[in-house]
Amino acid sequence: MRYMGKELSAVESRIAVIGIVVESEDSVEALNEILHEYRESIIGRMGIPYRRRGINIISIAVDAPQDTISALSGKVGKLPGVSSKTAYAEGKK
């Protein structure tokens, strides 16, 4: 597997899902910029606007080194009115 021009083994790369809840529309542009920055790591993205509650729920599937996934989740979680949690696949044993 190649990541940002570097050859990685399957052991170095992790699969994870980042759950994001956006409560502040003011942070949407910054969130999209962060996701664009990490686009090479993103496998897929699903967004659900929950209008009744005035929030957006986003699920991001990623395949990247653990430090990259942590950096992405950390940057997202620092945005005002945005929270994120990451769940990692166990991987093959």
Protein backbone atom coordinates (compact mmCIF):
# COMPACT_ATOMS: atom_id res chain seq x y z
CA MET A 1 0.00 0.00 0.00
CA ARG A 2 1.21 3.49 -0.82
CA TYR A 3 0.40 6.48 1.37
CA MET A 4 1.52 9.98 0.39
CA GLY A 5 4.21 8.53 -1.87
CA LYS A 6 5.57 6.15 0.79
CA GLU A 7 5.25 2.36 0.74
CA LEU A 8 3.46 1.07 3.87
CA SER A 9 2.84 -2.43 5.10
CA ALA A 10 -0.65 -3.48 6.18
CA VAL A 11 0.64 -3.48 9.77
CA GLU A 12 1.52 0.22 9.64
CA SER A 13 -1.87 1.19 8.23
CA ARG A 14 -5.07 1.05 10.33
CA ILE A 15 -8.73 1.02 9.39
CA ALA A 16 -10.98 3.24 11.49
CA VAL A 17 -14.30 5.04 11.53
CA ILE A 18 -14.47 8.59 12.86
CA GLY A 19 -17.90 9.67 14.07
CA ILE A 20 -18.41 13.43 13.98
CA VAL A 21 -21.28 15.49 15.41
CA VAL A 22 -21.49 19.08 14.18
CA GLU A 23 -23.59 21.37 16.37
CA SER A 24 -22.20 24.68 15.08
CA GLU A 25 -22.67 25.69 11.45
CA ASP A 26 -19.83 28.19 11.92
CA SER A 27 -17.35 25.29 11.97
CA VAL A 28 -18.52 23.56 8.76
CA GLU A 29 -16.08 25.35 6.44
CA ALA A 30 -13.10 24.60 8.68
CA LEU A 31 -14.24 20.97 9.01
CA ASN A 32 -14.40 20.58 5.23
CA GLU A 33 -10.90 22.06 4.90
CA ILE A 34 -9.54 19.50 7.38
CA LEU A 35 -11.27 16.63 5.58
CA HIS A 36 -9.85 17.88 2.27
CA GLU A 37 -6.37 17.98 3.81
CA TYR A 38 -6.70 14.28 4.76
CA ARG A 39 -8.48 13.19 1.54
CA GLU A 40 -5.82 10.58 0.70
CA SER A 41 -6.67 8.73 3.92
CA ILE A 42 -10.45 8.85 3.53
CA ILE A 43 -12.10 5.75 2.09
CA GLY A 44 -15.64 7.14 2.28
CA ARG A 45 -17.85 9.69 3.96
CA MET A 46 -21.53 9.74 4.91
CA GLY A 47 -23.30 12.84 6.18
CA ILE A 48 -26.75 12.99 7.74
CA PRO A 49 -28.37 16.35 8.41
CA TYR A 50 -30.65 15.96 11.44
CA ARG A 51 -32.74 19.06 10.92
CA ARG A 52 -35.12 18.43 13.82
CA ARG A 53 -32.18 18.77 16.23
CA GLY A 54 -30.21 21.27 14.15
CA ILE A 55 -27.09 19.09 13.94
CA ASN A 56 -25.18 17.13 11.32
CA ILE A 57 -23.84 13.62 11.86
CA ILE A 58 -20.87 12.56 9.74
CA SER A 59 -19.16 9.19 9.51
CA ILE A 60 -15.69 9.01 7.95
CA ALA A 61 -14.02 5.68 7.06
CA VAL A 62 -10.22 5.96 6.92
CA ASP A 63 -7.20 3.80 6.09
CA ALA A 64 -3.96 5.40 7.30
CA PRO A 65 -1.21 5.18 9.91
CA GLN A 66 -2.53 5.53 13.46
CA ASP A 67 -0.82 8.88 14.03
CA THR A 68 -2.52 10.28 10.91
CA ILE A 69 -5.93 9.07 12.08
CA SER A 70 -5.32 10.54 15.55
CA ALA A 71 -4.23 13.87 14.07
CA LEU A 72 -7.34 14.04 11.87
CA SER A 73 -9.69 13.19 14.73
CA GLY A 74 -7.91 15.61 17.07
CA LYS A 75 -8.11 18.53 14.64
CA VAL A 76 -11.80 17.85 14.03
CA GLY A 77 -12.56 17.57 17.75
CA LYS A 78 -10.89 20.92 18.50
CA LEU A 79 -13.31 22.82 16.27
CA PRO A 80 -15.92 24.81 18.23
CA GLY A 81 -19.26 22.99 18.34
CA VAL A 82 -17.81 19.79 16.86
CA SER A 83 -17.12 16.49 18.62
CA SER A 84 -15.48 13.34 17.29
CA LYS A 85 -14.78 9.78 18.40
CA THR A 86 -12.71 7.14 16.65
CA ALA A 87 -13.27 3.38 16.51
CA TYR A 88 -10.44 1.20 15.17
CA ALA A 89 -10.70 -2.16 13.46
CA GLU A 90 -8.84 -4.86 15.37
CA GLY A 91 -6.97 -6.01 12.29
CA LYS A 92 -5.86 -9.51 11.40
CA LYS A 93 -4.29 -11.66 14.08
